[in-house]
Amino acid sequence: SETLRHSRDEMSKFNDVLEQFDFRKEVIYKALEKNNIPVSSLTAACSRGGNIIACPHGAIEIDQDMIDYLTRPDDMAKHASLLGSMIAFDLHKEYGIPICIYDAIGTDEMQPVARVTGIPEIPRFTVGHTLNTRAMAIKCADEILHKPFEECTFIVAHLGGGISIRLYKNGINIDCVNDDEGNFSPERCGGVSVKELAKFCFTSGLSYGEVMDKLHGNAGLAAHLGTKDAVTVEKMIEDGDEYAKIIYEGMCYRIAKDIGTMSIPVAGKVDRIILTGGISHSKMLTDYISNLVSWIAPVEIMAGEYEMEALAAGALRVLRGEEKLQNFSE
């Protein structure tokens, strides 16, 4: 396991995500070489996947149809994770190894009643942090409850640069609060007044892409406090910054409210609330949230992001015949 970080200066020379392909592929190949892992020795490759269409959980084979969809020109918010699928597809073409995405961003198994909104043209859907939330729910069922995942009910809050809340019942993610619906996060705006948002979009003079950049990457803590780093914000609070304290507690307050919202579809019958993701390492944050929601169910802190481990575990289940490799076109 190795984390490859890229500086802002390195990435500034690229105009969009697709231009980064050769650069990121070369960095990955060099990392393999440095660790004495011949590319030809790989048994399989697994990727997060990018902004894919609504799909079931599990492993989906990467093929040309998927690559064409992920790189479609009309996707104005391409996610860098699609590059992983492109690199895996290159590996498949060269070495013939099985390749897949697993618990993709577009995993959507929401129950029909949860999809309904007051605007027929804009139904609700699930998008985002399936990979880490489902992996932690499976881990909690196995290691803490000692029960099959399919017999448990979990509310899982993924707390990172983006924040989403998932409700898993009998192994299925039946409802959620996406990272643009409810709580704001270190870099995303969360749910805001639709009237004011419509007014902003039509009067700001910003293009669609610029508005998306603001709402999805330069909002939340970054907009209020000039930093996306929770550690920095907590230091500001410790130094007596009252505004930082209100903003940070406001984020925690909204997270707790959304966890409470997810308890309603199951009438409060929840086995565990799980706090996971990078900023769940913060005791200040997890204590604040736990104090508000522990009356619903015991809270498990499963700090960090285990997405790489979850991808590897998913690929192994396919190789062992424990899960079926699904076809994208189907």
Protein backbone atom coordinates (compact mmCIF):
# COMPACT_ATOMS: atom_id res chain seq x y z
CA SER A 1 0.00 0.00 0.00
CA GLU A 2 1.37 3.37 -0.98
CA THR A 3 -0.24 6.81 -1.17
CA LEU A 4 0.88 8.90 -4.13
CA ARG A 5 0.25 12.61 -3.57
CA HIS A 6 0.40 15.31 -6.23
CA SER A 7 1.07 18.98 -5.52
CA ARG A 8 -1.17 21.79 -6.71
CA ASP A 9 1.68 22.94 -8.98
CA GLU A 10 1.93 19.49 -10.58
CA MET A 11 -1.79 19.38 -11.32
CA SER A 12 -2.14 23.01 -12.45
CA LYS A 13 -0.72 22.20 -15.88
CA PHE A 14 -3.76 20.05 -16.71
CA ASN A 15 -6.94 21.65 -18.00
CA ASP A 16 -9.18 18.72 -17.12
CA VAL A 17 -9.20 15.25 -15.59
CA LEU A 18 -8.68 13.33 -18.84
CA GLU A 19 -5.43 15.18 -19.55
CA GLN A 20 -4.00 13.65 -16.36
CA PHE A 21 -4.16 10.06 -17.66
CA ASP A 22 -0.59 9.60 -18.91
CA PHE A 23 0.87 11.42 -15.89
CA ARG A 24 -1.02 9.35 -13.30
CA LYS A 25 -0.43 6.05 -15.13
CA GLU A 26 3.32 6.70 -15.24
CA VAL A 27 3.43 7.54 -11.52
CA ILE A 28 1.60 4.30 -10.66
CA TYR A 29 3.86 2.18 -12.86
CA LYS A 30 6.94 3.76 -11.29
CA ALA A 31 5.57 3.01 -7.80
CA LEU A 32 5.12 -0.64 -8.75
CA GLU A 33 8.65 -0.77 -10.13
CA LYS A 34 10.06 0.86 -6.98
CA ASN A 35 8.37 -1.81 -4.87
CA ASN A 36 9.65 -4.64 -7.10
CA ILE A 37 6.20 -5.58 -8.38
CA PRO A 38 6.34 -6.36 -12.13
CA VAL A 39 3.20 -5.14 -13.90
CA SER A 40 3.07 -8.53 -15.63
CA SER A 41 2.69 -10.24 -12.21
CA LEU A 42 -0.68 -8.64 -11.41
CA THR A 43 -3.58 -11.09 -11.01
CA ALA A 44 -6.37 -8.51 -11.30
CA ALA A 45 -7.01 -4.78 -11.06
CA CYS A 46 -9.86 -2.97 -9.29
CA SER A 47 -10.81 0.72 -9.42
CA ARG A 48 -13.31 3.09 -7.80
CA GLY A 49 -14.86 3.90 -11.15
CA GLY A 50 -15.87 7.55 -11.73
CA ASN A 51 -19.33 9.02 -12.30
CA ILE A 52 -21.02 5.86 -13.50
CA ILE A 53 -24.73 5.30 -14.16
CA ALA A 54 -26.94 3.98 -11.35
CA CYS A 55 -25.87 0.41 -10.63
CA PRO A 56 -26.07 -2.34 -7.98
CA HIS A 57 -23.34 -2.85 -5.39
CA GLY A 58 -20.47 -5.25 -6.01
CA ALA A 59 -18.04 -5.89 -8.86
CA ILE A 60 -18.74 -4.64 -12.41
CA GLU A 61 -16.38 -5.51 -15.25
CA ILE A 62 -14.60 -2.59 -16.93
CA ASP A 63 -15.11 -2.73 -20.70
CA GLN A 64 -15.03 -0.30 -23.63
CA ASP A 65 -18.68 0.67 -23.09
CA MET A 66 -17.87 1.71 -19.52
CA ILE A 67 -14.82 3.71 -20.59
CA ASP A 68 -16.87 5.47 -23.28
CA TYR A 69 -19.50 6.37 -20.68
CA LEU A 70 -17.00 7.60 -18.08
CA THR A 71 -15.27 9.85 -20.63
CA ARG A 72 -18.44 11.20 -22.27
CA PRO A 73 -18.15 14.90 -23.25
CA ASP A 74 -21.40 15.93 -21.56
CA ASP A 75 -20.13 14.98 -18.08
CA MET A 76 -19.13 18.40 -16.77
CA ALA A 77 -18.02 17.10 -13.36
CA LYS A 78 -15.64 14.28 -14.24
CA HIS A 79 -14.20 12.63 -11.14
CA ALA A 80 -10.50 11.72 -11.07
CA SER A 81 -11.38 8.15 -10.06
CA LEU A 82 -12.38 7.44 -13.67
CA LEU A 83 -8.65 7.46 -14.49
CA GLY A 84 -8.26 4.33 -12.38
CA SER A 85 -10.71 2.54 -14.66
CA MET A 86 -8.83 3.73 -17.74
CA ILE A 87 -5.51 2.53 -16.33
CA ALA A 88 -7.05 -0.83 -15.39
CA PHE A 89 -8.47 -1.16 -18.92
CA ASP A 90 -4.98 -0.61 -20.35
CA LEU A 91 -3.68 -3.37 -18.07
CA HIS A 92 -6.42 -5.69 -19.30
CA LYS A 93 -5.65 -4.96 -22.95
CA GLU A 94 -1.94 -5.63 -22.41
CA TYR A 95 -2.01 -8.55 -19.97
CA GLY A 96 -5.52 -10.00 -20.20
CA ILE A 97 -6.15 -9.85 -16.44
CA PRO A 98 -9.69 -9.46 -15.03
CA ILE A 99 -10.54 -5.86 -14.15
CA CYS A 100 -13.49 -4.30 -12.39
CA ILE A 101 -14.88 -1.43 -10.39
CA TYR A 102 -16.34 -2.22 -6.97
CA ASP A 103 -19.12 -0.53 -4.98
CA ALA A 104 -19.00 2.32 -7.46
CA ILE A 105 -19.86 5.97 -6.86
CA GLY A 106 -23.10 5.35 -8.78
CA THR A 107 -24.26 2.41 -6.62
CA ASP A 108 -27.97 3.14 -6.14
CA GLU A 109 -30.36 0.73 -4.41
CA MET A 110 -32.64 3.31 -2.80
CA GLN A 111 -36.15 2.11 -2.04
CA PRO A 112 -38.80 3.66 -4.35
CA VAL A 113 -40.59 5.65 -1.64
CA ALA A 114 -37.33 7.44 -0.80
CA ARG A 115 -36.89 8.67 -4.38
CA VAL A 116 -39.98 10.85 -4.49
CA THR A 117 -39.54 14.65 -4.47
CA GLY A 118 -41.82 17.59 -5.17
CA ILE A 119 -40.27 18.01 -8.62
CA PRO A 120 -40.96 14.97 -10.84
CA GLU A 121 -38.04 15.90 -13.09
CA ILE A 122 -35.60 15.66 -10.15
CA PRO A 123 -36.10 12.39 -8.24
CA ARG A 124 -33.67 11.47 -5.46
CA PHE A 125 -30.83 9.06 -6.09
CA THR A 126 -27.80 7.70 -4.28
CA VAL A 127 -24.30 8.74 -5.28
CA GLY A 128 -20.94 8.85 -3.53
CA HIS A 129 -19.31 6.94 -0.72
CA THR A 130 -20.64 3.39 -1.11
CA LEU A 131 -17.22 1.75 -1.09
CA ASN A 132 -16.05 2.85 2.35
CA THR A 133 -19.46 2.90 4.06
CA ARG A 134 -20.41 -0.60 2.92
CA ALA A 135 -16.95 -1.97 3.79
CA MET A 136 -17.20 -0.57 7.33
CA ALA A 137 -20.75 -1.89 7.74
CA ILE A 138 -19.59 -5.38 6.71
CA LYS A 139 -16.61 -5.10 9.09
CA CYS A 140 -18.84 -3.98 11.99
CA ALA A 141 -21.29 -6.82 11.39
CA ASP A 142 -18.49 -9.38 11.30
CA GLU A 143 -16.14 -8.17 14.02
CA ILE A 144 -18.42 -6.35 16.50
CA LEU A 145 -21.92 -7.80 16.16
CA HIS A 146 -20.80 -11.25 14.95
CA LYS A 147 -23.81 -11.40 12.66
CA PRO A 148 -24.22 -11.60 8.88
CA PHE A 149 -24.27 -8.14 7.29
CA GLU A 150 -27.58 -9.08 5.67
CA GLU A 151 -29.22 -9.35 9.12
CA CYS A 152 -28.13 -5.91 10.40
CA THR A 153 -29.24 -2.31 10.18
CA PHE A 154 -26.58 0.41 10.13
CA ILE A 155 -26.41 4.16 9.73
CA VAL A 156 -22.95 4.91 8.34
CA ALA A 157 -21.60 8.47 8.15
CA HIS A 158 -18.63 8.93 5.82
CA LEU A 159 -16.83 12.03 7.09
CA GLY A 160 -14.22 13.35 4.68
CA GLY A 161 -13.80 16.19 2.19
CA GLY A 162 -17.35 15.26 1.22
CA ILE A 163 -19.81 13.87 3.78
CA SER A 164 -22.68 11.47 3.19
CA ILE A 165 -24.90 9.37 5.46
CA ARG A 166 -26.04 5.86 4.44
CA LEU A 167 -28.79 3.62 5.81
CA TYR A 168 -28.09 -0.09 5.30
CA LYS A 169 -30.88 -2.57 6.06
CA ASN A 170 -30.49 -6.29 5.35
CA GLY A 171 -27.42 -5.63 3.24
CA ILE A 172 -29.03 -2.97 1.03
CA ASN A 173 -28.49 0.80 1.08
CA ILE A 174 -32.20 1.74 1.17
CA ASP A 175 -31.79 5.48 1.81
CA CYS A 176 -29.13 8.14 2.21
CA VAL A 177 -28.28 11.79 2.61
CA ASN A 178 -25.98 12.62 -0.30
CA ASP A 179 -23.18 15.14 0.13
CA ASP A 180 -25.19 17.81 -1.72
CA GLU A 181 -28.45 17.28 0.17
CA GLY A 182 -27.85 17.83 3.87
CA ASN A 183 -24.76 18.55 5.94
CA PHE A 184 -21.96 20.70 4.59
CA SER A 185 -18.40 19.43 4.75
CA PRO A 186 -14.81 20.70 4.64
CA GLU A 187 -15.22 21.55 0.94
CA ARG A 188 -18.88 21.08 -0.10
CA CYS A 189 -21.93 23.22 0.46
CA GLY A 190 -24.50 20.57 1.40
CA GLY A 191 -28.18 21.41 1.26
CA VAL A 192 -29.10 25.09 0.99
CA SER A 193 -32.28 27.03 0.22
CA VAL A 194 -33.26 26.14 -3.36
CA LYS A 195 -34.70 29.62 -3.86
CA GLU A 196 -31.46 31.29 -2.85
CA LEU A 197 -29.41 28.80 -4.85
CA ALA A 198 -31.47 29.46 -7.99
CA LYS A 199 -31.03 33.20 -7.44
CA PHE A 200 -27.27 32.77 -7.00
CA CYS A 201 -26.94 30.69 -10.19
CA PHE A 202 -28.79 33.26 -12.30
CA THR A 203 -27.18 36.38 -10.84
CA SER A 204 -23.58 35.42 -10.02
CA GLY A 205 -22.33 35.63 -13.60
CA LEU A 206 -20.55 32.29 -13.14
CA SER A 207 -20.68 29.49 -15.70
CA TYR A 208 -22.11 26.07 -14.85
CA GLY A 209 -18.61 24.69 -14.35
CA GLU A 210 -17.61 27.59 -12.10
CA VAL A 211 -20.74 27.18 -9.97
CA MET A 212 -20.05 23.46 -9.60
CA ASP A 213 -16.45 24.17 -8.57
CA LYS A 214 -17.70 26.54 -5.90
CA LEU A 215 -20.43 24.27 -4.54
CA HIS A 216 -18.45 21.04 -4.74
CA GLY A 217 -14.89 22.05 -3.94
CA ASN A 218 -14.70 25.51 -2.46
CA ALA A 219 -17.63 25.65 -0.05
CA GLY A 220 -18.12 24.44 3.52
CA LEU A 221 -15.21 25.00 5.89
CA ALA A 222 -13.06 26.23 3.00
CA ALA A 223 -15.49 29.06 2.20
CA HIS A 224 -16.03 30.09 5.81
CA LEU A 225 -12.54 29.64 7.23
CA GLY A 226 -10.15 29.51 4.28
CA THR A 227 -9.06 25.92 4.94
CA LYS A 228 -10.38 22.41 4.27
CA ASP A 229 -8.20 20.91 6.99
CA ALA A 230 -10.14 19.94 10.13
CA VAL A 231 -6.93 19.82 12.18
CA THR A 232 -6.25 23.45 11.29
CA VAL A 233 -9.80 24.45 12.19
CA GLU A 234 -9.57 22.72 15.58
CA LYS A 235 -6.32 24.58 16.26
CA MET A 236 -8.14 27.84 15.44
CA ILE A 237 -10.83 26.89 17.95
CA GLU A 238 -8.26 26.02 20.63
CA ASP A 239 -6.69 29.43 20.05
CA GLY A 240 -10.01 31.12 20.85
CA ASP A 241 -11.50 31.74 17.39
CA GLU A 242 -15.23 31.91 18.17
CA TYR A 243 -16.31 32.11 14.52
CA ALA A 244 -14.37 28.93 13.71
CA LYS A 245 -16.06 27.23 16.69
CA ILE A 246 -19.56 28.14 15.48
CA ILE A 247 -18.84 26.96 11.91
CA TYR A 248 -17.25 23.69 13.02
CA GLU A 249 -20.02 22.93 15.49
CA GLY A 250 -22.52 23.86 12.77
CA MET A 251 -21.05 21.15 10.55
CA CYS A 252 -21.21 18.58 13.38
CA TYR A 253 -24.78 19.66 14.21
CA ARG A 254 -25.91 19.13 10.61
CA ILE A 255 -24.21 15.71 10.46
CA ALA A 256 -26.02 14.63 13.63
CA LYS A 257 -29.36 15.87 12.26
CA ASP A 258 -28.89 13.81 9.10
CA ILE A 259 -28.01 10.71 11.12
CA GLY A 260 -31.26 11.24 12.99
CA THR A 261 -33.11 11.57 9.69
CA MET A 262 -31.78 8.19 8.57
CA SER A 263 -33.19 6.52 11.69
CA ILE A 264 -36.78 7.37 10.69
CA PRO A 265 -37.22 4.91 7.75
CA VAL A 266 -36.45 2.01 10.12
CA ALA A 267 -38.45 3.43 13.06
CA GLY A 268 -35.25 3.88 15.07
CA LYS A 269 -34.40 0.15 14.99
CA VAL A 270 -30.68 0.56 14.31
CA ASP A 271 -27.96 -1.87 15.38
CA ARG A 272 -25.08 0.61 15.17
CA ILE A 273 -24.22 4.11 14.02
CA ILE A 274 -20.78 4.08 12.37
CA LEU A 275 -18.60 7.17 11.98
CA THR A 276 -15.89 6.62 9.38
CA GLY A 277 -13.75 8.61 6.94
CA GLY A 278 -10.70 10.79 7.43
CA ILE A 279 -12.05 13.41 9.82
CA SER A 280 -13.63 10.82 12.13
CA HIS A 281 -10.13 10.67 13.65
CA SER A 282 -11.13 13.92 15.39
CA LYS A 283 -12.31 13.32 18.96
CA MET A 284 -13.77 16.83 19.09
CA LEU A 285 -15.98 16.07 16.10
CA THR A 286 -16.97 12.50 17.01
CA ASP A 287 -17.74 13.42 20.62
CA TYR A 288 -20.04 16.25 19.50
CA ILE A 289 -21.91 13.99 17.07
CA SER A 290 -22.04 10.99 19.43
CA ASN A 291 -23.53 13.08 22.23
CA LEU A 292 -26.44 13.99 19.95
CA VAL A 293 -27.15 10.60 18.34
CA SER A 294 -26.15 7.85 20.80
CA TRP A 295 -29.76 7.63 22.04
CA ILE A 296 -30.60 6.07 18.65
CA ALA A 297 -27.98 3.30 18.78
CA PRO A 298 -24.43 2.70 20.03
CA VAL A 299 -21.84 4.64 18.06
CA GLU A 300 -18.77 2.91 16.58
CA ILE A 301 -15.82 5.07 15.55
CA MET A 302 -14.14 3.36 12.58
CA ALA A 303 -11.82 6.20 11.68
CA GLY A 304 -10.01 6.48 8.38
CA GLU A 305 -10.74 5.51 4.81
CA TYR A 306 -10.41 1.85 3.86
CA GLU A 307 -11.26 2.20 0.20
CA MET A 308 -8.13 0.50 -1.14
CA GLU A 309 -8.60 -2.44 1.21
CA ALA A 310 -12.28 -2.62 0.22
CA LEU A 311 -11.38 -2.69 -3.49
CA ALA A 312 -8.85 -5.46 -2.91
CA ALA A 313 -11.33 -7.49 -0.82
CA GLY A 314 -14.00 -7.12 -3.51
CA ALA A 315 -11.65 -8.26 -6.27
CA LEU A 316 -10.58 -11.25 -4.16
CA ARG A 317 -14.21 -12.30 -3.64
CA VAL A 318 -14.65 -12.31 -7.42
CA LEU A 319 -11.45 -14.31 -8.00
CA ARG A 320 -12.54 -16.83 -5.36
CA GLY A 321 -15.97 -17.22 -6.92
CA GLU A 322 -17.76 -15.75 -3.89
CA GLU A 323 -19.24 -12.91 -5.96
CA LYS A 324 -20.28 -12.66 -9.58
CA LEU A 325 -18.53 -10.22 -11.93
CA GLN A 326 -21.39 -8.15 -13.32
CA ASN A 327 -21.61 -6.84 -16.89
CA PHE A 328 -21.78 -3.05 -17.33
CA SER A 329 -24.08 -3.16 -20.35
CA GLU A 330 -26.63 -5.27 -18.49
